[in-house]
């Protein structure tokens, strides 16, 4: 839902109406507008932080997508995630190959 409602690529609005409906103050909602950025990774399934040392009785209380790649004016050609065994860091690494969109006639 975060990716669809907050990080969705669209023209900026003066206020984030979804956040406003959630009860956040209007001043905060004016700061939460997306200026056209998109993450090529899925915010629900592409988990980047789930290290075993932060688990308790088998539960990942700190399991989340903590790392983001925000793109604007380009398109993701490929994307990869690594360090699945968390041997290099307590985060996974993200790699995105992009193709820059060239505006014509400007």
PDB file of N, CA and C in Angstrom:
ATOM      1  N   UNK A   1       0.824  -1.185   0.000  1.00  0.00           N
ATOM      2  CA  UNK A   1       0.000   0.000   0.000  1.00  0.00           C
ATOM      3  C   UNK A   1       0.874   1.256   0.000  1.00  0.00           C
ATOM      4  N   UNK A   2       1.984   1.236   0.753  1.00  0.00           N
ATOM      5  CA  UNK A   2       2.868   2.403   0.778  1.00  0.00           C
ATOM      6  C   UNK A   2       3.358   2.741  -0.620  1.00  0.00           C
ATOM      7  N   UNK A   3       3.750   1.720  -1.375  1.00  0.00           N
ATOM      8  CA  UNK A   3       4.255   1.961  -2.716  1.00  0.00           C
ATOM      9  C   UNK A   3       3.168   2.530  -3.617  1.00  0.00           C
ATOM     10  N   UNK A   4       1.950   2.030  -3.483  1.00  0.00           N
ATOM     11  CA  UNK A   4       0.857   2.477  -4.344  1.00  0.00           C
ATOM     12  C   UNK A   4       0.332   3.846  -3.918  1.00  0.00           C
ATOM     13  N   UNK A   5       0.256   4.111  -2.627  1.00  0.00           N
ATOM     14  CA  UNK A   5      -0.374   5.337  -2.138  1.00  0.00           C
ATOM     15  C   UNK A   5       0.596   6.492  -1.918  1.00  0.00           C
ATOM     16  N   UNK A   6       1.832   6.201  -1.547  1.00  0.00           N
ATOM     17  CA  UNK A   6       2.773   7.269  -1.210  1.00  0.00           C
ATOM     18  C   UNK A   6       3.857   7.419  -2.265  1.00  0.00           C
ATOM     19  N   UNK A   7       4.420   6.306  -2.748  1.00  0.00           N
ATOM     20  CA  UNK A   7       5.531   6.383  -3.692  1.00  0.00           C
ATOM     21  C   UNK A   7       5.106   6.249  -5.147  1.00  0.00           C
ATOM     22  N   UNK A   8       3.833   6.232  -5.412  1.00  0.00           N
ATOM     23  CA  UNK A   8       3.339   6.120  -6.774  1.00  0.00           C
ATOM     24  C   UNK A   8       3.828   7.318  -7.602  1.00  0.00           C
ATOM     25  N   UNK A   9       4.265   7.049  -8.829  1.00  0.00           N
ATOM     26  CA  UNK A   9       4.724   8.129  -9.698  1.00  0.00           C
ATOM     27  C   UNK A   9       3.523   8.909 -10.204  1.00  0.00           C
ATOM     28  N   UNK A  10       3.513  10.177  -9.926  1.00  0.00           N
ATOM     29  CA  UNK A  10       2.425  11.049 -10.367  1.00  0.00           C
ATOM     30  C   UNK A  10       2.885  12.491 -10.240  1.00  0.00           C
ATOM     31  N   UNK A  11       2.137  13.384 -10.823  1.00  0.00           N
ATOM     32  CA  UNK A  11       2.456  14.799 -10.688  1.00  0.00           C
ATOM     33  C   UNK A  11       2.209  15.225  -9.251  1.00  0.00           C
ATOM     34  N   UNK A  12       3.078  16.051  -8.709  1.00  0.00           N
ATOM     35  CA  UNK A  12       2.901  16.470  -7.316  1.00  0.00           C
ATOM     36  C   UNK A  12       1.576  17.202  -7.093  1.00  0.00           C
ATOM     37  N   UNK A  13       0.967  16.914  -5.972  1.00  0.00           N
ATOM     38  CA  UNK A  13      -0.243  17.614  -5.541  1.00  0.00           C
ATOM     39  C   UNK A  13       0.159  18.511  -4.378  1.00  0.00           C
ATOM     40  N   UNK A  14      -0.653  19.498  -4.047  1.00  0.00           N
ATOM     41  CA  UNK A  14      -0.286  20.371  -2.940  1.00  0.00           C
ATOM     42  C   UNK A  14      -0.330  19.676  -1.579  1.00  0.00           C
ATOM     43  N   UNK A  15      -1.086  18.553  -1.478  1.00  0.00           N
ATOM     44  CA  UNK A  15      -1.194  17.845  -0.213  1.00  0.00           C
ATOM     45  C   UNK A  15      -1.393  16.355  -0.490  1.00  0.00           C
ATOM     46  N   UNK A  16      -0.834  15.513   0.357  1.00  0.00           N
ATOM     47  CA  UNK A  16      -1.009  14.071   0.231  1.00  0.00           C
ATOM     48  C   UNK A  16      -2.361  13.713   0.832  1.00  0.00           C
ATOM     49  N   UNK A  17      -3.347  13.508  -0.008  1.00  0.00           N
ATOM     50  CA  UNK A  17      -4.722  13.296   0.447  1.00  0.00           C
ATOM     51  C   UNK A  17      -4.885  11.975   1.207  1.00  0.00           C
ATOM     52  N   UNK A  18      -4.142  10.941   0.811  1.00  0.00           N
ATOM     53  CA  UNK A  18      -4.212   9.666   1.518  1.00  0.00           C
ATOM     54  C   UNK A  18      -3.752   9.842   2.963  1.00  0.00           C
ATOM     55  N   UNK A  19      -2.626  10.512   3.176  1.00  0.00           N
ATOM     56  CA  UNK A  19      -2.110  10.742   4.531  1.00  0.00           C
ATOM     57  C   UNK A  19      -3.065  11.615   5.339  1.00  0.00           C
ATOM     58  N   UNK A  20      -3.694  12.584   4.670  1.00  0.00           N
ATOM     59  CA  UNK A  20      -4.655  13.460   5.336  1.00  0.00           C
ATOM     60  C   UNK A  20      -5.848  12.644   5.858  1.00  0.00           C
ATOM     61  N   UNK A  21      -6.317  11.685   5.033  1.00  0.00           N
ATOM     62  CA  UNK A  21      -7.430  10.830   5.460  1.00  0.00           C
ATOM     63  C   UNK A  21      -7.040   9.917   6.625  1.00  0.00           C
ATOM     64  N   UNK A  22      -5.742   9.654   6.785  1.00  0.00           N
ATOM     65  CA  UNK A  22      -5.281   8.812   7.897  1.00  0.00           C
ATOM     66  C   UNK A  22      -5.209   9.595   9.204  1.00  0.00           C
ATOM     67  N   UNK A  23      -5.460  10.912   9.144  1.00  0.00           N
ATOM     68  CA  UNK A  23      -5.495  11.718  10.353  1.00  0.00           C
ATOM     69  C   UNK A  23      -4.229  12.504  10.646  1.00  0.00           C
ATOM     70  N   UNK A  24      -3.274  12.502   9.724  1.00  0.00           N
ATOM     71  CA  UNK A  24      -2.063  13.290   9.945  1.00  0.00           C
ATOM     72  C   UNK A  24      -2.367  14.776   9.792  1.00  0.00           C
ATOM     73  N   UNK A  25      -1.637  15.635  10.492  1.00  0.00           N
ATOM     74  CA  UNK A  25      -1.868  17.074  10.370  1.00  0.00           C
ATOM     75  C   UNK A  25      -1.645  17.556   8.934  1.00  0.00           C
ATOM     76  N   UNK A  26      -2.409  18.553   8.515  1.00  0.00           N
ATOM     77  CA  UNK A  26      -2.318  19.048   7.137  1.00  0.00           C
ATOM     78  C   UNK A  26      -0.926  19.549   6.806  1.00  0.00           C
ATOM     79  N   UNK A  27      -0.253  20.200   7.755  1.00  0.00           N
ATOM     80  CA  UNK A  27       1.110  20.697   7.502  1.00  0.00           C
ATOM     81  C   UNK A  27       2.049  19.542   7.157  1.00  0.00           C
ATOM     82  N   UNK A  28       1.904  18.424   7.851  1.00  0.00           N
ATOM     83  CA  UNK A  28       2.711  17.239   7.566  1.00  0.00           C
ATOM     84  C   UNK A  28       2.357  16.686   6.194  1.00  0.00           C
ATOM     85  N   UNK A  29       1.073  16.652   5.868  1.00  0.00           N
ATOM     86  CA  UNK A  29       0.615  16.111   4.584  1.00  0.00           C
ATOM     87  C   UNK A  29       1.091  16.953   3.408  1.00  0.00           C
ATOM     88  N   UNK A  30       1.332  18.226   3.626  1.00  0.00           N
ATOM     89  CA  UNK A  30       1.889  19.070   2.559  1.00  0.00           C
ATOM     90  C   UNK A  30       3.351  18.709   2.281  1.00  0.00           C
ATOM     91  N   UNK A  31       4.022  18.167   3.263  1.00  0.00           N
ATOM     92  CA  UNK A  31       5.417  17.755   3.103  1.00  0.00           C
ATOM     93  C   UNK A  31       5.538  16.339   2.531  1.00  0.00           C
ATOM     94  N   UNK A  32       4.459  15.573   2.541  1.00  0.00           N
ATOM     95  CA  UNK A  32       4.483  14.178   2.117  1.00  0.00           C
ATOM     96  C   UNK A  32       4.058  13.970   0.670  1.00  0.00           C
ATOM     97  N   UNK A  33       4.267  14.936  -0.173  1.00  0.00           N
ATOM     98  CA  UNK A  33       3.918  14.753  -1.580  1.00  0.00           C
ATOM     99  C   UNK A  33       5.097  14.124  -2.307  1.00  0.00           C
ATOM    100  N   UNK A  34       4.790  13.272  -3.237  1.00  0.00           N
ATOM    101  CA  UNK A  34       5.820  12.591  -4.015  1.00  0.00           C
ATOM    102  C   UNK A  34       6.120  13.403  -5.265  1.00  0.00           C
ATOM    103  N   UNK A  35       7.359  13.877  -5.402  1.00  0.00           N
ATOM    104  CA  UNK A  35       7.695  14.655  -6.601  1.00  0.00           C
ATOM    105  C   UNK A  35       8.025  13.790  -7.811  1.00  0.00           C
ATOM    106  N   UNK A  36       7.438  12.609  -7.918  1.00  0.00           N
ATOM    107  CA  UNK A  36       7.615  11.771  -9.098  1.00  0.00           C
ATOM    108  C   UNK A  36       8.625  10.666  -8.965  1.00  0.00           C
ATOM    109  N   UNK A  37       9.010  10.291  -7.765  1.00  0.00           N
ATOM    110  CA  UNK A  37       9.982   9.218  -7.567  1.00  0.00           C
ATOM    111  C   UNK A  37       9.278   7.866  -7.471  1.00  0.00           C
ATOM    112  N   UNK A  38       9.979   6.822  -7.904  1.00  0.00           N
ATOM    113  CA  UNK A  38       9.443   5.463  -7.821  1.00  0.00           C
ATOM    114  C   UNK A  38      10.567   4.521  -7.420  1.00  0.00           C
ATOM    115  N   UNK A  39      10.232   3.495  -6.650  1.00  0.00           N
ATOM    116  CA  UNK A  39      11.191   2.472  -6.247  1.00  0.00           C
ATOM    117  C   UNK A  39      10.941   1.235  -7.098  1.00  0.00           C
ATOM    118  N   UNK A  40      11.961   0.717  -7.804  1.00  0.00           N
ATOM    119  CA  UNK A  40      11.750  -0.470  -8.638  1.00  0.00           C
ATOM    120  C   UNK A  40      11.576  -1.752  -7.830  1.00  0.00           C
ATOM    121  N   UNK A  41      11.821  -1.704  -6.514  1.00  0.00           N
ATOM    122  CA  UNK A  41      11.638  -2.866  -5.660  1.00  0.00           C
ATOM    123  C   UNK A  41      10.262  -2.805  -5.011  1.00  0.00           C
ATOM    124  N   UNK A  42       9.721  -3.965  -4.675  1.00  0.00           N
ATOM    125  CA  UNK A  42       8.406  -4.038  -4.043  1.00  0.00           C
ATOM    126  C   UNK A  42       8.548  -3.779  -2.541  1.00  0.00           C
ATOM    127  N   UNK A  43       7.799  -2.833  -2.017  1.00  0.00           N
ATOM    128  CA  UNK A  43       7.942  -2.449  -0.610  1.00  0.00           C
ATOM    129  C   UNK A  43       7.435  -3.508   0.352  1.00  0.00           C
ATOM    130  N   UNK A  44       6.649  -4.467  -0.106  1.00  0.00           N
ATOM    131  CA  UNK A  44       6.145  -5.510   0.789  1.00  0.00           C
ATOM    132  C   UNK A  44       6.976  -6.785   0.735  1.00  0.00           C
ATOM    133  N   UNK A  45       7.482  -7.135  -0.420  1.00  0.00           N
ATOM    134  CA  UNK A  45       8.142  -8.429  -0.561  1.00  0.00           C
ATOM    135  C   UNK A  45       9.662  -8.356  -0.664  1.00  0.00           C
ATOM    136  N   UNK A  46      10.221  -7.238  -1.042  1.00  0.00           N
ATOM    137  CA  UNK A  46      11.677  -7.109  -1.172  1.00  0.00           C
ATOM    138  C   UNK A  46      12.269  -6.619   0.153  1.00  0.00           C
ATOM    139  N   UNK A  47      12.340  -7.530   1.109  1.00  0.00           N
ATOM    140  CA  UNK A  47      12.809  -7.239   2.464  1.00  0.00           C
ATOM    141  C   UNK A  47      14.329  -7.073   2.447  1.00  0.00           C
ATOM    142  N   UNK A  48      14.832  -5.992   3.033  1.00  0.00           N
ATOM    143  CA  UNK A  48      16.277  -5.748   3.043  1.00  0.00           C
ATOM    144  C   UNK A  48      16.883  -5.847   4.441  1.00  0.00           C
ATOM    145  N   UNK A  49      16.064  -6.037   5.463  1.00  0.00           N
ATOM    146  CA  UNK A  49      16.561  -6.071   6.838  1.00  0.00           C
ATOM    147  C   UNK A  49      15.826  -7.179   7.592  1.00  0.00           C
ATOM    148  N   UNK A  50      16.506  -8.337   7.752  1.00  0.00           N
ATOM    149  CA  UNK A  50      15.908  -9.474   8.457  1.00  0.00           C
ATOM    150  C   UNK A  50      17.022 -10.364   8.985  1.00  0.00           C
ATOM    151  N   UNK A  51      17.992  -9.773   9.653  1.00  0.00           N
ATOM    152  CA  UNK A  51      19.160 -10.497  10.155  1.00  0.00           C
ATOM    153  C   UNK A  51      18.755 -11.401  11.313  1.00  0.00           C
ATOM    154  N   UNK A  52      19.312 -12.602  11.354  1.00  0.00           N
ATOM    155  CA  UNK A  52      18.980 -13.581  12.394  1.00  0.00           C
ATOM    156  C   UNK A  52      19.305 -13.063  13.793  1.00  0.00           C
ATOM    157  N   UNK A  53      20.317 -12.223  13.940  1.00  0.00           N
ATOM    158  CA  UNK A  53      20.681 -11.742  15.282  1.00  0.00           C
ATOM    159  C   UNK A  53      19.623 -10.797  15.872  1.00  0.00           C
ATOM    160  N   UNK A  54      18.682 -10.339  15.058  1.00  0.00           N
ATOM    161  CA  UNK A  54      17.615  -9.478  15.553  1.00  0.00           C
ATOM    162  C   UNK A  54      16.307 -10.248  15.738  1.00  0.00           C
ATOM    163  N   UNK A  55      16.385 -11.564  15.721  1.00  0.00           N
ATOM    164  CA  UNK A  55      15.192 -12.394  15.908  1.00  0.00           C
ATOM    165  C   UNK A  55      15.102 -12.848  17.358  1.00  0.00           C
ATOM    166  N   UNK A  56      13.894 -13.039  17.834  1.00  0.00           N
ATOM    167  CA  UNK A  56      13.653 -13.524  19.182  1.00  0.00           C
ATOM    168  C   UNK A  56      12.638 -14.655  19.104  1.00  0.00           C
ATOM    169  N   UNK A  57      13.055 -15.827  19.546  1.00  0.00           N
ATOM    170  CA  UNK A  57      12.208 -17.024  19.486  1.00  0.00           C
ATOM    171  C   UNK A  57      11.671 -17.272  18.075  1.00  0.00           C
ATOM    172  N   UNK A  58      12.518 -17.003  17.097  1.00  0.00           N
ATOM    173  CA  UNK A  58      12.148 -17.245  15.706  1.00  0.00           C
ATOM    174  C   UNK A  58      11.318 -16.158  15.055  1.00  0.00           C
ATOM    175  N   UNK A  59      11.011 -15.091  15.786  1.00  0.00           N
ATOM    176  CA  UNK A  59      10.199 -14.005  15.241  1.00  0.00           C
ATOM    177  C   UNK A  59      11.088 -12.842  14.804  1.00  0.00           C
ATOM    178  N   UNK A  60      10.842 -12.349  13.604  1.00  0.00           N
ATOM    179  CA  UNK A  60      11.587 -11.198  13.091  1.00  0.00           C
ATOM    180  C   UNK A  60      10.887  -9.902  13.428  1.00  0.00           C
ATOM    181  N   UNK A  61      11.126  -9.401  14.619  1.00  0.00           N
ATOM    182  CA  UNK A  61      10.459  -8.170  15.047  1.00  0.00           C
ATOM    183  C   UNK A  61      10.955  -6.945  14.292  1.00  0.00           C
ATOM    184  N   UNK A  62      12.142  -7.050  13.698  1.00  0.00           N
ATOM    185  CA  UNK A  62      12.705  -5.921  12.957  1.00  0.00           C
ATOM    186  C   UNK A  62      12.842  -6.273  11.481  1.00  0.00           C
ATOM    187  N   UNK A  63      11.950  -7.064  10.959  1.00  0.00           N
ATOM    188  CA  UNK A  63      11.961  -7.437   9.548  1.00  0.00           C
ATOM    189  C   UNK A  63      11.224  -6.357   8.762  1.00  0.00           C
ATOM    190  N   UNK A  64      11.922  -5.768   7.767  1.00  0.00           N
ATOM    191  CA  UNK A  64      11.286  -4.677   7.021  1.00  0.00           C
ATOM    192  C   UNK A  64      12.065  -4.373   5.742  1.00  0.00           C
ATOM    193  N   UNK A  65      11.509  -3.526   4.946  1.00  0.00           N
ATOM    194  CA  UNK A  65      12.213  -2.956   3.798  1.00  0.00           C
ATOM    195  C   UNK A  65      12.756  -1.631   4.292  1.00  0.00           C
ATOM    196  N   UNK A  66      14.027  -1.629   4.648  1.00  0.00           N
ATOM    197  CA  UNK A  66      14.652  -0.451   5.233  1.00  0.00           C
ATOM    198  C   UNK A  66      15.390   0.371   4.181  1.00  0.00           C
ATOM    199  N   UNK A  67      15.759  -0.254   3.082  1.00  0.00           N
ATOM    200  CA  UNK A  67      16.559   0.405   2.050  1.00  0.00           C
ATOM    201  C   UNK A  67      15.728   0.617   0.794  1.00  0.00           C
ATOM    202  N   UNK A  68      15.895   1.767   0.186  1.00  0.00           N
ATOM    203  CA  UNK A  68      15.081   2.160  -0.965  1.00  0.00           C
ATOM    204  C   UNK A  68      15.981   2.683  -2.080  1.00  0.00           C
ATOM    205  N   UNK A  69      15.521   2.521  -3.317  1.00  0.00           N
ATOM    206  CA  UNK A  69      16.135   3.138  -4.488  1.00  0.00           C
ATOM    207  C   UNK A  69      15.049   3.999  -5.106  1.00  0.00           C
ATOM    208  N   UNK A  70      15.244   5.293  -5.111  1.00  0.00           N
ATOM    209  CA  UNK A  70      14.227   6.187  -5.659  1.00  0.00           C
ATOM    210  C   UNK A  70      14.707   6.728  -6.988  1.00  0.00           C
ATOM    211  N   UNK A  71      13.918   6.476  -8.026  1.00  0.00           N
ATOM    212  CA  UNK A  71      14.278   6.864  -9.392  1.00  0.00           C
ATOM    213  C   UNK A  71      13.316   7.915  -9.907  1.00  0.00           C
ATOM    214  N   UNK A  72      13.851   8.794 -10.730  1.00  0.00           N
ATOM    215  CA  UNK A  72      13.025   9.787 -11.418  1.00  0.00           C
ATOM    216  C   UNK A  72      13.735  10.144 -12.721  1.00  0.00           C
ATOM    217  N   UNK A  73      13.009  10.160 -13.797  1.00  0.00           N
ATOM    218  CA  UNK A  73      13.599  10.496 -15.090  1.00  0.00           C
ATOM    219  C   UNK A  73      14.410   9.364 -15.688  1.00  0.00           C
ATOM    220  N   UNK A  74      14.204   8.159 -15.199  1.00  0.00           N
ATOM    221  CA  UNK A  74      14.883   6.993 -15.757  1.00  0.00           C
ATOM    222  C   UNK A  74      14.028   5.768 -15.488  1.00  0.00           C
ATOM    223  N   UNK A  75      14.373   4.690 -16.173  1.00  0.00           N
ATOM    224  CA  UNK A  75      13.602   3.465 -15.995  1.00  0.00           C
ATOM    225  C   UNK A  75      14.557   2.345 -15.616  1.00  0.00           C
ATOM    226  N   UNK A  76      14.117   1.487 -14.720  1.00  0.00           N
ATOM    227  CA  UNK A  76      14.940   0.365 -14.264  1.00  0.00           C
ATOM    228  C   UNK A  76      14.993  -0.701 -15.355  1.00  0.00           C
ATOM    229  N   UNK A  77      16.189  -1.025 -15.812  1.00  0.00           N
ATOM    230  CA  UNK A  77      16.396  -2.068 -16.805  1.00  0.00           C
ATOM    231  C   UNK A  77      16.533  -3.419 -16.097  1.00  0.00           C
ATOM    232  N   UNK A  78      17.234  -3.422 -14.974  1.00  0.00           N
ATOM    233  CA  UNK A  78      17.369  -4.632 -14.163  1.00  0.00           C
ATOM    234  C   UNK A  78      17.551  -4.218 -12.712  1.00  0.00           C
ATOM    235  N   UNK A  79      17.266  -5.151 -11.827  1.00  0.00           N
ATOM    236  CA  UNK A  79      17.445  -4.885 -10.406  1.00  0.00           C
ATOM    237  C   UNK A  79      17.868  -6.169  -9.714  1.00  0.00           C
ATOM    238  N   UNK A  80      18.723  -6.031  -8.704  1.00  0.00           N
ATOM    239  CA  UNK A  80      19.206  -7.193  -7.966  1.00  0.00           C
ATOM    240  C   UNK A  80      19.319  -6.843  -6.486  1.00  0.00           C
ATOM    241  N   UNK A  81      19.242  -7.867  -5.692  1.00  0.00           N
ATOM    242  CA  UNK A  81      19.426  -7.735  -4.253  1.00  0.00           C
ATOM    243  C   UNK A  81      20.375  -8.845  -3.829  1.00  0.00           C
ATOM    244  N   UNK A  82      21.321  -8.527  -2.939  1.00  0.00           N
ATOM    245  CA  UNK A  82      22.285  -9.536  -2.512  1.00  0.00           C
ATOM    246  C   UNK A  82      22.541  -9.496  -1.020  1.00  0.00           C
ATOM    247  N   UNK A  83      23.522 -10.280  -0.597  1.00  0.00           N
ATOM    248  CA  UNK A  83      23.890 -10.443   0.804  1.00  0.00           C
ATOM    249  C   UNK A  83      22.757 -11.142   1.566  1.00  0.00           C
ATOM    250  N   UNK A  84      22.198 -12.169   0.950  1.00  0.00           N
ATOM    251  CA  UNK A  84      21.061 -12.872   1.542  1.00  0.00           C
ATOM    252  C   UNK A  84      21.421 -13.595   2.841  1.00  0.00           C
ATOM    253  N   UNK A  85      22.713 -13.924   3.026  1.00  0.00           N
ATOM    254  CA  UNK A  85      23.120 -14.581   4.278  1.00  0.00           C
ATOM    255  C   UNK A  85      23.579 -13.569   5.327  1.00  0.00           C
ATOM    256  N   UNK A  86      23.539 -12.289   5.004  1.00  0.00           N
ATOM    257  CA  UNK A  86      23.906 -11.194   5.907  1.00  0.00           C
ATOM    258  C   UNK A  86      25.344 -11.303   6.413  1.00  0.00           C
ATOM    259  N   UNK A  87      26.237 -11.871   5.605  1.00  0.00           N
ATOM    260  CA  UNK A  87      27.633 -12.018   6.020  1.00  0.00           C
ATOM    261  C   UNK A  87      28.420 -10.716   5.864  1.00  0.00           C
ATOM    262  N   UNK A  88      28.013  -9.834   4.963  1.00  0.00           N
ATOM    263  CA  UNK A  88      28.743  -8.588   4.731  1.00  0.00           C
ATOM    264  C   UNK A  88      28.181  -7.412   5.524  1.00  0.00           C
ATOM    265  N   UNK A  89      26.925  -7.505   5.932  1.00  0.00           N
ATOM    266  CA  UNK A  89      26.265  -6.399   6.618  1.00  0.00           C
ATOM    267  C   UNK A  89      24.960  -6.899   7.219  1.00  0.00           C
ATOM    268  N   UNK A  90      24.323  -6.086   8.048  1.00  0.00           N
ATOM    269  CA  UNK A  90      23.005  -6.476   8.554  1.00  0.00           C
ATOM    270  C   UNK A  90      21.891  -6.041   7.612  1.00  0.00           C
ATOM    271  N   UNK A  91      22.266  -5.504   6.451  1.00  0.00           N
ATOM    272  CA  UNK A  91      21.313  -5.139   5.397  1.00  0.00           C
ATOM    273  C   UNK A  91      21.653  -5.934   4.141  1.00  0.00           C
ATOM    274  N   UNK A  92      20.684  -6.059   3.265  1.00  0.00           N
ATOM    275  CA  UNK A  92      20.970  -6.585   1.930  1.00  0.00           C
ATOM    276  C   UNK A  92      21.390  -5.413   1.046  1.00  0.00           C
ATOM    277  N   UNK A  93      22.173  -5.691   0.016  1.00  0.00           N
ATOM    278  CA  UNK A  93      22.527  -4.621  -0.919  1.00  0.00           C
ATOM    279  C   UNK A  93      21.557  -4.626  -2.087  1.00  0.00           C
ATOM    280  N   UNK A  94      21.375  -3.442  -2.657  1.00  0.00           N
ATOM    281  CA  UNK A  94      20.491  -3.257  -3.807  1.00  0.00           C
ATOM    282  C   UNK A  94      21.310  -2.728  -4.972  1.00  0.00           C
ATOM    283  N   UNK A  95      21.030  -3.223  -6.154  1.00  0.00           N
ATOM    284  CA  UNK A  95      21.702  -2.776  -7.371  1.00  0.00           C
ATOM    285  C   UNK A  95      20.641  -2.589  -8.448  1.00  0.00           C
ATOM    286  N   UNK A  96      20.647  -1.428  -9.070  1.00  0.00           N
ATOM    287  CA  UNK A  96      19.678  -1.150 -10.132  1.00  0.00           C
ATOM    288  C   UNK A  96      20.433  -0.605 -11.337  1.00  0.00           C
ATOM    289  N   UNK A  97      20.200  -1.209 -12.485  1.00  0.00           N
ATOM    290  CA  UNK A  97      20.722  -0.686 -13.747  1.00  0.00           C
ATOM    291  C   UNK A  97      19.598   0.132 -14.374  1.00  0.00           C
ATOM    292  N   UNK A  98      19.910   1.373 -14.734  1.00  0.00           N
ATOM    293  CA  UNK A  98      18.866   2.255 -15.241  1.00  0.00           C
ATOM    294  C   UNK A  98      19.183   2.719 -16.655  1.00  0.00           C
ATOM    295  N   UNK A  99      18.132   3.133 -17.326  1.00  0.00           N
ATOM    296  CA  UNK A  99      18.226   3.780 -18.631  1.00  0.00           C
ATOM    297  C   UNK A  99      17.636   5.167 -18.464  1.00  0.00           C
ATOM    298  N   UNK A 100      18.430   6.173 -18.777  1.00  0.00           N
ATOM    299  CA  UNK A 100      17.997   7.546 -18.594  1.00  0.00           C
ATOM    300  C   UNK A 100      17.024   7.924 -19.706  1.00  0.00           C
ATOM    301  N   UNK A 101      15.904   8.528 -19.306  1.00  0.00           N
ATOM    302  CA  UNK A 101      14.935   9.000 -20.280  1.00  0.00           C
ATOM    303  C   UNK A 101      15.382  10.377 -20.755  1.00  0.00           C
ATOM    304  N   UNK A 102      15.531  10.524 -22.050  1.00  0.00           N
ATOM    305  CA  UNK A 102      16.001  11.796 -22.617  1.00  0.00           C
ATOM    306  C   UNK A 102      14.805  12.567 -23.123  1.00  0.00           C
ATOM    307  N   UNK A 103      14.657  13.803 -22.637  1.00  0.00           N
ATOM    308  CA  UNK A 103      13.585  14.676 -23.105  1.00  0.00           C
ATOM    309  C   UNK A 103      13.998  15.309 -24.426  1.00  0.00           C
ATOM    310  N   UNK A 104      13.150  15.194 -25.412  1.00  0.00           N
ATOM    311  CA  UNK A 104      13.455  15.758 -26.731  1.00  0.00           C
ATOM    312  C   UNK A 104      12.837  17.139 -26.887  1.00  0.00           C
ATOM    313  N   UNK A 105      13.524  17.984 -27.610  1.00  0.00           N
ATOM    314  CA  UNK A 105      12.973  19.287 -27.987  1.00  0.00           C
ATOM    315  C   UNK A 105      13.058  20.352 -26.911  1.00  0.00           C
ATOM    316  N   UNK A 106      13.840  20.177 -25.863  1.00  0.00           N
ATOM    317  CA  UNK A 106      13.900  21.158 -24.797  1.00  0.00           C
ATOM    318  C   UNK A 106      15.043  22.001 -24.927  1.00  0.00           C
TER     319      UNK A 106
END
